[in-house]
Amino acid sequence: MTVTGLVSVLVIALACALIVGTLGLISLRLLARYSLVLQLVVVALATIVSVVSGMAAAASLMYVSDHDLTVFYFVAGVTGSVSLLMAGLLGRWIARDSRHLTLAAASLGRGEPVASAERHSNTEFAALADQLAATGERYRESRDREDKIESARRELVAWISHDLRTPLAGIRAMAEALEDDMVEDPIRYYGQIRGQVDRLNGMVDDLFELSRITSGTLRLNLARVALYDLISDTVADLGPVARAKSLDLRFEGAMGLTILADPRELARAVGNLVMNAVQQSAPGGTIVVSVTEHADGRAVISVQDSAGGIDPEDLGRVFEPGWRGTEPRTPETESASQGRAGLGLAIVDGIVAAHHGEVTVRNTPGGCRFDVLLPAHPEPTGV
């Protein structure tokens, strides 16, 4: 065939393809609201018609015999039918996957679990389905965390309301007694009122500290701290409280161990742990505070009491704000445990986290043990 003939065939094929392609695009536009299966069939049909029309027009220029042209049409019809069937099947598979993804998205919106189908028509749909399932799982975990946080918040508000009413009611009763001149020893009432005010002030201080921790505004003033001196001073400050309950409060610390920490915040954390042990312990109990060096170089501050263990189901909740055990660890500590709305251990957890450390709790024979693990050189940042 001459160059002129090839050019003629090329022009004819291009013209047929453009005409059929334009008609196909118009059809797809009109079928935009119809099923994807029908659109794929239209694409396959446009391709077949474009090929057949181009070949027929070219054959008319090449003077192909009627027999050969009939054979060509027959072959084109068979292959075209198979192509249309394959396009229909592919469209059904894609439509099935599309329905599955639509249901998965709807389930995700309703907060229901999303199951990934075992088979998909292509890897793209399979990856999308897996991603939807993973997103559903992350959404479920996030919802569970929010439910726990909301439950802890309600519990905290309930405890704070209870603990505020108790001292306020006492202050009101004593003030009314003083006002009515029904008190034989006003000085004693003044002291009791001051004690209740100190208790309220402590609760407010705890709430302010917890708000700084949870909001991320707690900033550490890091300095080189000798743990022996800091903890021995804290234990000495709480010694009178322990002796008032006939408790044996001891400090068994290794001298010379220093870390980079905020001395004020760290002393508060240790004090909260010791006070928690004092409140939970029955008269005659023993509380041992110790400081050692872990094998990985971290400092370990431990507070161990003999107040009975914590319910294993509650071990994972002891550091939640507002949490208190379902019952006192020893019967004698029921009134003492009604202290600071369950904020002390939550504050400990926040302060330790600000130092890039961790605090753990575990039951021991006859009691429980809190361990604070602190790195020697934490990053100088806030919470």
Protein backbone atom coordinates (compact mmCIF):
# COMPACT_ATOMS: atom_id res chain seq x y z
CA MET A 1 0.00 0.00 0.00
CA THR A 2 1.26 3.45 -0.90
CA VAL A 3 1.87 6.22 1.58
CA THR A 4 -1.18 8.03 0.24
CA GLY A 5 -3.31 4.95 0.92
CA LEU A 6 -2.00 4.64 4.49
CA VAL A 7 -2.74 8.28 5.13
CA SER A 8 -6.27 7.82 3.77
CA VAL A 9 -6.83 4.81 6.03
CA LEU A 10 -5.48 6.77 9.02
CA VAL A 11 -7.76 9.71 8.33
CA ILE A 12 -10.79 7.46 7.91
CA ALA A 13 -10.05 5.53 11.13
CA LEU A 14 -9.50 8.78 13.04
CA ALA A 15 -12.72 10.27 11.72
CA CYS A 16 -14.73 7.20 12.64
CA ALA A 17 -13.15 7.10 16.10
CA LEU A 18 -13.88 10.79 16.69
CA ILE A 19 -17.49 10.48 15.58
CA VAL A 20 -18.17 7.35 17.59
CA GLY A 21 -16.24 8.71 20.58
CA THR A 22 -18.25 11.93 20.54
CA LEU A 23 -21.50 9.99 20.42
CA GLY A 24 -20.23 7.79 23.27
CA LEU A 25 -19.40 10.81 25.43
CA ILE A 26 -22.83 12.27 24.76
CA SER A 27 -24.39 8.94 25.75
CA LEU A 28 -22.35 8.80 28.95
CA ARG A 29 -23.43 12.33 29.76
CA LEU A 30 -27.07 11.38 29.32
CA LEU A 31 -26.59 8.21 31.38
CA ALA A 32 -24.80 9.97 34.26
CA ARG A 33 -27.62 9.13 36.67
CA TYR A 34 -27.82 5.49 35.63
CA SER A 35 -25.92 2.42 36.79
CA LEU A 36 -22.18 2.11 36.35
CA VAL A 37 -22.79 -1.22 34.61
CA LEU A 38 -24.67 0.50 31.78
CA GLN A 39 -21.94 3.14 31.44
CA LEU A 40 -19.22 0.49 31.12
CA VAL A 41 -21.27 -1.30 28.47
CA VAL A 42 -21.58 1.98 26.55
CA VAL A 43 -17.78 2.46 26.70
CA ALA A 44 -17.17 -1.09 25.45
CA LEU A 45 -19.80 -0.70 22.72
CA ALA A 46 -18.31 2.62 21.56
CA THR A 47 -14.90 0.96 21.30
CA ILE A 48 -16.28 -1.93 19.24
CA VAL A 49 -18.30 0.33 16.94
CA SER A 50 -15.28 2.59 16.45
CA VAL A 51 -13.08 -0.34 15.41
CA VAL A 52 -15.69 -1.94 13.18
CA SER A 53 -16.67 1.32 11.45
CA GLY A 54 -13.06 2.22 10.86
CA MET A 55 -12.25 -1.22 9.44
CA ALA A 56 -15.37 -1.17 7.25
CA ALA A 57 -14.52 2.26 5.83
CA ALA A 58 -10.92 1.23 5.21
CA ALA A 59 -12.00 -2.02 3.59
CA SER A 60 -14.16 -0.13 1.10
CA LEU A 61 -11.03 1.65 -0.15
CA MET A 62 -9.01 -1.54 -0.37
CA TYR A 63 -11.63 -3.37 -2.42
CA VAL A 64 -11.90 -6.24 0.07
CA SER A 65 -14.12 -9.09 -1.17
CA ASP A 66 -17.61 -9.54 0.21
CA HIS A 67 -16.61 -12.91 1.65
CA ASP A 68 -13.68 -11.48 3.56
CA LEU A 69 -15.74 -8.54 4.78
CA THR A 70 -18.45 -10.95 6.00
CA VAL A 71 -15.85 -12.96 7.89
CA PHE A 72 -14.52 -9.74 9.45
CA TYR A 73 -18.01 -8.69 10.56
CA PHE A 74 -18.62 -12.13 12.03
CA VAL A 75 -15.36 -12.08 13.98
CA ALA A 76 -16.02 -8.52 15.15
CA GLY A 77 -19.51 -9.48 16.29
CA VAL A 78 -18.27 -12.46 18.32
CA THR A 79 -15.39 -10.58 19.93
CA GLY A 80 -17.61 -7.56 20.50
CA SER A 81 -20.21 -9.68 22.28
CA VAL A 82 -17.54 -11.17 24.53
CA SER A 83 -16.21 -7.67 25.24
CA LEU A 84 -19.68 -6.42 26.15
CA LEU A 85 -20.19 -9.42 28.43
CA MET A 86 -16.88 -8.77 30.17
CA ALA A 87 -17.73 -5.08 30.55
CA GLY A 88 -21.08 -6.01 32.07
CA LEU A 89 -19.46 -8.42 34.54
CA LEU A 90 -16.83 -5.86 35.51
CA GLY A 91 -19.55 -3.27 36.00
CA ARG A 92 -21.48 -5.62 38.28
CA TRP A 93 -18.37 -6.33 40.37
CA ILE A 94 -17.62 -2.65 40.68
CA ALA A 95 -21.23 -1.88 41.52
CA ARG A 96 -21.19 -4.60 44.20
CA ASP A 97 -18.03 -3.14 45.73
CA SER A 98 -19.54 0.33 45.52
CA ARG A 99 -22.62 -0.82 47.43
CA HIS A 100 -20.41 -2.44 50.07
CA LEU A 101 -18.39 0.75 50.48
CA THR A 102 -21.59 2.81 50.70
CA LEU A 103 -22.93 0.56 53.46
CA ALA A 104 -19.56 0.69 55.23
CA ALA A 105 -19.56 4.50 55.12
CA ALA A 106 -23.13 4.57 56.44
CA SER A 107 -22.18 2.20 59.27
CA LEU A 108 -19.21 4.40 60.06
CA GLY A 109 -21.48 7.43 60.27
CA ARG A 110 -23.80 5.61 62.67
CA GLY A 111 -20.87 4.54 64.84
CA GLU A 112 -21.36 0.85 64.04
CA PRO A 113 -18.51 -1.63 63.42
CA VAL A 114 -17.30 -1.77 59.81
CA ALA A 115 -16.41 -5.20 58.46
CA SER A 116 -14.05 -5.48 55.51
CA ALA A 117 -15.28 -7.75 52.70
CA GLU A 118 -13.15 -10.79 51.94
CA ARG A 119 -12.95 -10.17 48.17
CA HIS A 120 -13.00 -7.09 45.95
CA SER A 121 -12.86 -6.53 42.23
CA ASN A 122 -9.56 -4.64 42.47
CA THR A 123 -6.85 -3.71 44.96
CA GLU A 124 -7.95 -0.06 45.09
CA PHE A 125 -11.40 -0.95 46.40
CA ALA A 126 -9.86 -3.51 48.77
CA ALA A 127 -7.50 -0.88 50.18
CA LEU A 128 -10.37 1.59 50.57
CA ALA A 129 -12.52 -1.00 52.37
CA ASP A 130 -9.66 -1.89 54.70
CA GLN A 131 -9.11 1.79 55.43
CA LEU A 132 -12.80 2.27 56.23
CA ALA A 133 -12.66 -0.72 58.58
CA ALA A 134 -9.54 0.67 60.27
CA THR A 135 -11.15 4.10 60.56
CA GLY A 136 -14.21 2.50 62.13
CA GLU A 137 -12.02 0.75 64.69
CA ARG A 138 -10.18 3.97 65.52
CA TYR A 139 -13.52 5.77 65.79
CA ARG A 140 -14.79 3.10 68.18
CA GLU A 141 -11.68 3.37 70.33
CA SER A 142 -11.99 7.16 70.35
CA ARG A 143 -15.65 6.93 71.35
CA ASP A 144 -14.77 4.52 74.15
CA ARG A 145 -12.10 6.92 75.41
CA GLU A 146 -14.56 9.80 75.31
CA ASP A 147 -17.12 7.74 77.23
CA LYS A 148 -14.52 6.96 79.90
CA ILE A 149 -13.48 10.61 80.10
CA GLU A 150 -17.10 11.72 80.40
CA SER A 151 -17.74 9.09 83.07
CA ALA A 152 -14.66 10.25 84.98
CA ARG A 153 -15.79 13.88 84.63
CA ARG A 154 -19.24 13.11 86.05
CA GLU A 155 -17.67 11.13 88.86
CA LEU A 156 -15.27 13.97 89.61
CA VAL A 157 -18.08 16.55 89.70
CA ALA A 158 -20.09 14.30 92.01
CA TRP A 159 -17.21 13.83 94.43
CA ILE A 160 -16.30 17.52 94.41
CA SER A 161 -19.91 18.46 95.10
CA HIS A 162 -19.99 16.01 97.99
CA ASP A 163 -16.66 17.14 99.44
CA LEU A 164 -17.58 20.81 99.17
CA ARG A 165 -20.89 20.35 100.93
CA THR A 166 -19.34 18.60 103.93
CA PRO A 167 -16.96 21.36 105.10
CA LEU A 168 -19.39 24.11 104.09
CA ALA A 169 -22.14 22.52 106.15
CA GLY A 170 -19.77 22.26 109.09
CA ILE A 171 -18.67 25.88 108.78
CA ARG A 172 -22.30 27.01 108.55
CA ALA A 173 -23.32 25.02 111.62
CA MET A 174 -20.42 26.32 113.70
CA ALA A 175 -21.00 29.90 112.52
CA GLU A 176 -24.68 29.69 113.47
CA ALA A 177 -23.74 28.28 116.88
CA LEU A 178 -21.30 31.14 117.43
CA GLU A 179 -23.86 33.66 116.21
CA ASP A 180 -26.49 32.35 118.65
CA ASP A 181 -23.96 32.38 121.51
CA MET A 182 -24.48 28.67 122.14
CA VAL A 183 -20.78 27.78 122.34
CA GLU A 184 -18.92 27.31 125.60
CA ASP A 185 -15.47 27.25 123.92
CA PRO A 186 -15.44 29.67 120.94
CA ILE A 187 -11.67 29.28 120.48
CA ARG A 188 -12.10 25.60 119.67
CA TYR A 189 -14.80 26.43 117.11
CA TYR A 190 -12.54 29.03 115.50
CA GLY A 191 -9.85 26.40 115.12
CA GLN A 192 -12.30 23.93 113.59
CA ILE A 193 -13.58 26.56 111.17
CA ARG A 194 -10.02 27.32 110.13
CA GLY A 195 -9.39 23.62 109.61
CA GLN A 196 -12.41 23.35 107.33
CA VAL A 197 -11.29 26.43 105.41
CA ASP A 198 -7.84 24.87 104.98
CA ARG A 199 -9.52 21.76 103.64
CA LEU A 200 -11.49 23.80 101.11
CA ASN A 201 -8.35 25.67 100.16
CA GLY A 202 -6.58 22.38 99.57
CA MET A 203 -9.37 21.20 97.29
CA VAL A 204 -9.22 24.42 95.28
CA ASP A 205 -5.44 24.10 95.04
CA ASP A 206 -5.79 20.53 93.79
CA LEU A 207 -8.35 21.56 91.19
CA PHE A 208 -6.12 24.37 89.97
CA GLU A 209 -3.13 22.04 89.71
CA LEU A 210 -5.17 19.43 87.85
CA SER A 211 -6.50 22.05 85.45
CA ARG A 212 -2.93 23.14 84.63
CA ILE A 213 -1.95 19.54 83.99
CA THR A 214 -4.92 18.67 81.78
CA SER A 215 -4.75 21.93 79.83
CA GLY A 216 -1.03 21.58 79.16
CA THR A 217 -0.08 24.82 80.92
CA LEU A 218 2.03 23.20 83.64
CA ARG A 219 5.61 24.37 83.18
CA LEU A 220 8.53 22.84 85.05
CA ASN A 221 11.36 24.82 86.60
CA LEU A 222 14.05 22.19 86.30
CA ALA A 223 16.98 22.10 88.69
CA ARG A 224 19.42 19.53 90.00
CA VAL A 225 17.56 17.78 92.86
CA ALA A 226 19.02 15.49 95.53
CA LEU A 227 16.26 12.92 95.97
CA TYR A 228 17.38 11.95 99.47
CA ASP A 229 16.98 15.50 100.75
CA LEU A 230 13.71 16.19 98.93
CA ILE A 231 11.98 12.98 100.01
CA SER A 232 13.30 13.05 103.58
CA ASP A 233 11.93 16.60 103.97
CA THR A 234 8.55 15.52 102.57
CA VAL A 235 8.39 12.52 104.90
CA ALA A 236 9.37 14.72 107.84
CA ASP A 237 6.58 17.20 107.02
CA LEU A 238 3.98 14.40 107.00
CA GLY A 239 5.42 12.66 110.05
CA PRO A 240 3.02 14.34 112.52
CA VAL A 241 0.02 13.30 110.41
CA ALA A 242 1.24 9.70 110.39
CA ARG A 243 1.97 9.68 114.12
CA ALA A 244 -1.49 11.06 114.82
CA LYS A 245 -2.85 7.84 113.31
CA SER A 246 -0.23 5.67 115.06
CA LEU A 247 1.44 4.86 111.75
CA ASP A 248 5.08 3.89 111.29
CA LEU A 249 6.28 6.14 108.45
CA ARG A 250 9.83 5.32 107.35
CA PHE A 251 12.20 6.55 104.68
CA GLU A 252 14.81 4.17 103.32
CA GLY A 253 16.67 6.14 100.69
CA ALA A 254 19.99 5.90 98.91
CA MET A 255 22.08 9.03 99.33
CA GLY A 256 23.82 10.72 96.42
CA LEU A 257 21.13 10.06 93.80
CA THR A 258 20.30 13.27 91.93
CA ILE A 259 18.08 14.01 88.92
CA LEU A 260 16.98 17.04 86.92
CA ALA A 261 13.46 17.88 88.10
CA ASP A 262 11.14 20.56 89.41
CA PRO A 263 11.62 20.28 93.19
CA ARG A 264 8.28 21.86 94.09
CA GLU A 265 6.19 19.70 91.76
CA LEU A 266 8.13 16.53 92.57
CA ALA A 267 7.72 17.15 96.32
CA ARG A 268 3.99 17.58 95.73
CA ALA A 269 3.80 14.27 93.87
CA VAL A 270 5.68 12.38 96.59
CA GLY A 271 3.60 14.10 99.27
CA ASN A 272 0.37 13.06 97.55
CA LEU A 273 1.51 9.43 97.42
CA VAL A 274 2.49 9.43 101.09
CA MET A 275 -0.74 11.19 102.13
CA ASN A 276 -2.73 8.66 100.13
CA ALA A 277 -0.99 5.85 102.03
CA VAL A 278 -1.63 7.63 105.35
CA GLN A 279 -5.33 8.08 104.58
CA GLN A 280 -5.78 4.47 103.52
CA SER A 281 -3.78 2.85 106.35
CA ALA A 282 -5.32 1.64 109.58
CA PRO A 283 -3.74 2.60 112.93
CA GLY A 284 -0.63 0.57 113.61
CA GLY A 285 0.22 0.17 109.91
CA THR A 286 3.58 0.75 108.26
CA ILE A 287 4.43 3.01 105.33
CA VAL A 288 7.86 2.71 103.71
CA VAL A 289 9.17 5.35 101.31
CA SER A 290 12.33 4.46 99.41
CA VAL A 291 14.45 5.71 96.53
CA THR A 292 16.68 3.52 94.39
CA GLU A 293 18.28 3.53 90.95
CA HIS A 294 16.77 1.34 88.24
CA ALA A 295 18.95 -0.84 86.01
CA ASP A 296 18.22 1.50 83.07
CA GLY A 297 19.51 4.53 84.98
CA ARG A 298 16.14 5.94 86.03
CA ALA A 299 15.45 6.92 89.61
CA VAL A 300 12.70 4.96 91.38
CA ILE A 301 10.69 6.50 94.22
CA SER A 302 8.53 3.89 95.94
CA VAL A 303 5.74 4.23 98.51
CA GLN A 304 4.55 0.96 100.02
CA ASP A 305 1.79 0.62 102.58
CA SER A 306 0.14 -2.17 104.56
CA ALA A 307 -3.43 -0.97 104.07
CA GLY A 308 -4.62 -3.96 102.08
CA GLY A 309 -4.48 -4.30 98.32
CA ILE A 310 -6.52 -2.57 95.64
CA ASP A 311 -9.22 -4.45 93.77
CA PRO A 312 -7.51 -5.79 90.60
CA GLU A 313 -10.38 -4.36 88.53
CA ASP A 314 -9.58 -0.89 89.92
CA LEU A 315 -5.81 -0.93 89.39
CA GLY A 316 -6.17 0.60 85.95
CA ARG A 317 -8.34 3.47 87.23
CA VAL A 318 -6.48 4.70 90.31
CA PHE A 319 -4.98 7.65 88.42
CA GLU A 320 -8.26 8.86 86.92
CA PRO A 321 -9.42 12.27 88.24
CA GLY A 322 -12.18 11.85 90.79
CA TRP A 323 -11.81 8.09 91.06
CA ARG A 324 -12.17 6.39 94.41
CA GLY A 325 -12.40 2.72 95.19
CA THR A 326 -15.80 1.18 95.54
CA GLU A 327 -14.97 0.62 99.22
CA PRO A 328 -12.14 1.64 101.57
CA ARG A 329 -9.13 -0.65 101.53
CA THR A 330 -9.47 -1.13 105.29
CA PRO A 331 -12.65 -0.57 107.33
CA GLU A 332 -10.89 1.87 109.65
CA THR A 333 -10.05 4.25 106.79
CA GLU A 334 -13.57 4.94 105.51
CA SER A 335 -13.79 8.43 106.99
CA ALA A 336 -10.19 9.28 106.19
CA SER A 337 -10.63 8.38 102.58
CA GLN A 338 -13.15 11.16 102.08
CA GLY A 339 -10.34 13.68 101.52
CA ARG A 340 -9.63 15.57 98.35
CA ALA A 341 -12.21 14.38 95.80
CA GLY A 342 -9.83 11.73 94.46
CA LEU A 343 -7.50 14.25 92.78
CA GLY A 344 -4.21 13.44 94.50
CA LEU A 345 -3.20 10.43 92.43
CA ALA A 346 -4.32 12.10 89.18
CA ILE A 347 -2.02 15.02 90.03
CA VAL A 348 0.82 12.58 90.71
CA ASP A 349 0.32 11.00 87.30
CA GLY A 350 0.31 14.41 85.58
CA ILE A 351 3.43 15.67 87.36
CA VAL A 352 5.34 12.47 86.62
CA ALA A 353 4.26 12.60 82.96
CA ALA A 354 5.52 16.19 82.78
CA HIS A 355 8.93 14.86 83.85
CA HIS A 356 8.71 12.24 81.07
CA GLY A 357 8.48 9.49 83.66
CA GLU A 358 5.87 6.94 84.61
CA VAL A 359 4.06 5.91 87.77
CA THR A 360 2.83 2.38 88.40
CA VAL A 361 0.87 0.64 91.11
CA ARG A 362 0.74 -3.03 92.09
CA ASN A 363 -0.55 -5.07 94.95
CA THR A 364 1.90 -6.52 97.47
CA PRO A 365 1.31 -8.90 100.38
CA GLY A 366 -0.83 -6.94 102.81
CA GLY A 367 -0.89 -3.70 100.85
CA CYS A 368 0.12 -2.00 97.62
CA ARG A 369 3.13 -0.23 96.17
CA PHE A 370 3.39 2.88 94.01
CA ASP A 371 6.58 3.28 91.95
CA VAL A 372 7.58 6.57 90.32
CA LEU A 373 10.24 6.11 87.62
CA LEU A 374 11.98 9.33 86.56
CA PRO A 375 14.71 9.87 83.96
CA ALA A 376 17.88 11.54 85.15
CA HIS A 377 17.67 14.22 82.44
CA PRO A 378 14.08 14.92 81.23
CA GLU A 379 13.43 17.30 78.36
CA PRO A 380 12.87 20.86 79.68
CA THR A 381 9.26 21.10 78.53
CA GLY A 382 5.79 21.27 80.05
CA VAL A 383 3.06 18.69 79.93
